[in-house]
Amino acid sequence: MSSKYLYVTYIRTSPQKLWDALTNPEFQKQYWFGMPQESEWKTGSSWKMLFSDGRVADAGEILESDPPRRLVIKWRNEFRPELKAEGYSRCVYDLEQEGDSMRLTVTHTIDVPNAKLIEAVSGGWPKVLSSLKSFLETGTPLPGIHQAPKG
């Protein structure tokens, strides 16, 4: 039995701008707790998210990359021992254009029943994705989004 978190949001932006915001470290730092991600964003490339001091927060591998439509990341938390012990999760970004907006669906799953990781990301994803939406639509992320999770 697996655990799952699903979030859908609509953002008034273009497919390329949304893709860039998801994959460009300078964009990411603006709306994602000041935390950049490093990857070549190609299938098989390594992936990691860094705290502002350079420590690795999460790490994994790009399992699928189809710009600007779909991105799949093999994802493991690296800074909380109880989450790291649960192993790798899978995070899927599906981007679909609907008129002048983009539908962004984030599905985060792990093959662990009642996973602590899913409990943790269910608190983080709404903040991150709401800040992303605000950033792309207004040029300003949500206030207070630069405080990274405790690590």
Protein backbone atom coordinates (compact mmCIF):
# COMPACT_ATOMS: atom_id res chain seq x y z
CA MET A 1 0.00 0.00 0.00
CA SER A 2 1.33 3.42 -0.90
CA SER A 3 0.77 6.96 0.37
CA LYS A 4 -0.12 9.80 -1.97
CA TYR A 5 -0.42 13.57 -2.06
CA LEU A 6 -2.13 15.30 -5.00
CA TYR A 7 -2.36 19.03 -5.67
CA VAL A 8 -3.85 20.80 -8.68
CA THR A 9 -3.58 24.51 -9.36
CA TYR A 10 -4.26 26.80 -12.30
CA ILE A 11 -1.72 29.49 -13.11
CA ARG A 12 -2.09 32.29 -15.63
CA THR A 13 1.21 31.80 -17.49
CA SER A 14 2.72 30.10 -20.52
CA PRO A 15 3.98 26.51 -20.69
CA GLN A 16 7.60 27.67 -21.05
CA LYS A 17 7.44 30.15 -18.16
CA LEU A 18 6.00 27.48 -15.88
CA TRP A 19 8.63 24.95 -16.95
CA ASP A 20 11.37 27.51 -16.39
CA ALA A 21 10.02 28.36 -12.93
CA LEU A 22 10.06 24.65 -12.01
CA THR A 23 13.57 23.97 -13.36
CA ASN A 24 15.60 27.19 -13.02
CA PRO A 25 17.44 27.60 -9.68
CA GLU A 26 17.14 31.39 -9.72
CA PHE A 27 13.36 31.16 -10.16
CA GLN A 28 13.10 28.39 -7.54
CA LYS A 29 14.86 30.43 -4.87
CA GLN A 30 12.20 33.14 -5.27
CA TYR A 31 9.20 30.99 -4.36
CA TRP A 32 10.60 27.79 -2.74
CA PHE A 33 11.88 28.76 0.72
CA GLY A 34 15.02 30.26 -0.89
CA MET A 35 16.09 26.73 -1.88
CA PRO A 36 17.53 26.09 -5.35
CA GLN A 37 17.54 22.74 -7.11
CA GLU A 38 20.42 21.38 -9.19
CA SER A 39 19.92 19.10 -12.18
CA GLU A 40 20.41 18.90 -15.92
CA TRP A 41 16.65 18.15 -16.02
CA LYS A 42 17.17 15.24 -18.44
CA THR A 43 16.07 11.65 -17.93
CA GLY A 44 18.72 9.87 -15.86
CA SER A 45 20.36 13.02 -14.49
CA SER A 46 20.88 13.52 -10.78
CA TRP A 47 18.71 15.97 -8.86
CA LYS A 48 19.12 17.71 -5.53
CA MET A 49 17.52 20.52 -3.56
CA LEU A 50 19.80 22.64 -1.41
CA PHE A 51 19.34 24.71 1.71
CA SER A 52 20.59 28.28 1.34
CA ASP A 53 23.78 27.26 3.20
CA GLY A 54 24.53 24.58 0.57
CA ARG A 55 23.47 21.49 2.57
CA VAL A 56 21.47 18.90 0.63
CA ALA A 57 17.82 18.85 1.69
CA ASP A 58 16.51 16.29 -0.82
CA ALA A 59 18.14 14.26 -3.57
CA GLY A 60 17.33 11.77 -6.29
CA GLU A 61 17.15 11.37 -10.04
CA ILE A 62 15.14 12.64 -12.98
CA LEU A 63 13.10 9.62 -14.13
CA GLU A 64 11.28 11.40 -16.96
CA SER A 65 11.64 14.81 -18.57
CA ASP A 66 9.35 16.00 -21.35
CA PRO A 67 9.60 19.82 -21.43
CA PRO A 68 7.30 21.65 -20.98
CA ARG A 69 4.72 18.93 -20.28
CA ARG A 70 5.95 16.43 -17.69
CA LEU A 71 8.68 15.95 -15.13
CA VAL A 72 9.11 12.91 -12.87
CA ILE A 73 11.60 12.93 -9.99
CA LYS A 74 12.81 10.04 -7.82
CA TRP A 75 12.95 11.98 -4.53
CA ARG A 76 14.33 11.24 -1.07
CA ASN A 77 14.48 13.54 1.94
CA GLU A 78 18.07 13.79 3.19
CA PHE A 79 17.82 15.95 6.33
CA ARG A 80 15.22 14.23 8.52
CA PRO A 81 16.35 10.68 9.46
CA GLU A 82 12.80 9.34 9.91
CA LEU A 83 11.86 10.53 6.38
CA LYS A 84 15.11 9.37 4.78
CA ALA A 85 14.49 5.90 6.27
CA GLU A 86 11.25 5.63 4.27
CA GLY A 87 13.31 5.61 1.07
CA TYR A 88 12.59 7.15 -2.30
CA SER A 89 9.32 8.71 -3.32
CA ARG A 90 8.11 9.73 -6.75
CA CYS A 91 7.08 13.27 -7.59
CA VAL A 92 5.27 13.92 -10.88
CA TYR A 93 4.63 17.34 -12.37
CA ASP A 94 2.03 17.33 -15.17
CA LEU A 95 1.66 20.63 -17.04
CA GLU A 96 -1.35 21.13 -19.31
CA GLN A 97 -2.38 24.27 -21.13
CA GLU A 98 -6.00 25.33 -20.70
CA GLY A 99 -6.71 28.53 -22.60
CA ASP A 100 -4.50 31.31 -21.26
CA SER A 101 -3.65 29.31 -18.15
CA MET A 102 -1.68 26.26 -17.18
CA ARG A 103 -3.02 23.42 -15.10
CA LEU A 104 -0.24 22.13 -12.86
CA THR A 105 -0.81 18.79 -11.17
CA VAL A 106 1.73 17.59 -8.60
CA THR A 107 1.42 13.97 -7.50
CA HIS A 108 3.83 12.84 -4.77
CA THR A 109 3.73 9.13 -3.86
CA ILE A 110 5.77 6.64 -1.86
CA ASP A 111 5.36 2.89 -1.41
CA VAL A 112 4.99 3.17 2.37
CA PRO A 113 1.59 3.06 4.09
CA ASN A 114 0.85 6.16 6.21
CA ALA A 115 4.19 7.65 5.18
CA LYS A 116 5.64 10.42 7.30
CA LEU A 117 7.11 11.90 4.11
CA ILE A 118 3.66 12.40 2.58
CA GLU A 119 2.48 13.96 5.82
CA ALA A 120 5.45 16.36 5.65
CA VAL A 121 5.04 17.29 1.97
CA SER A 122 1.31 17.83 2.41
CA GLY A 123 2.25 20.82 4.55
CA GLY A 124 4.92 22.10 2.18
CA TRP A 125 3.39 21.68 -1.28
CA PRO A 126 0.45 24.09 -0.75
CA LYS A 127 2.84 26.83 0.37
CA VAL A 128 5.33 26.23 -2.44
CA LEU A 129 2.71 25.97 -5.19
CA SER A 130 0.71 28.96 -3.94
CA SER A 131 3.93 30.98 -3.87
CA LEU A 132 4.78 29.77 -7.39
CA LYS A 133 1.36 30.86 -8.62
CA SER A 134 1.70 34.26 -6.97
CA PHE A 135 5.23 34.69 -8.32
CA LEU A 136 4.29 33.87 -11.92
CA GLU A 137 1.08 35.94 -11.90
CA THR A 138 2.25 38.99 -9.96
CA GLY A 139 6.05 38.85 -9.90
CA THR A 140 6.01 38.49 -6.11
CA PRO A 141 6.13 35.24 -4.11
CA LEU A 142 4.10 34.79 -0.94
CA PRO A 143 5.44 36.70 2.07
CA GLY A 144 7.50 34.61 4.48
CA ILE A 145 8.22 31.89 1.92
CA HIS A 146 11.96 32.31 2.38
CA GLN A 147 11.99 30.42 5.67
CA ALA A 148 13.26 26.94 4.90
CA PRO A 149 12.03 23.89 6.80
CA LYS A 150 14.05 23.05 9.91
CA GLY A 151 17.10 21.02 8.98
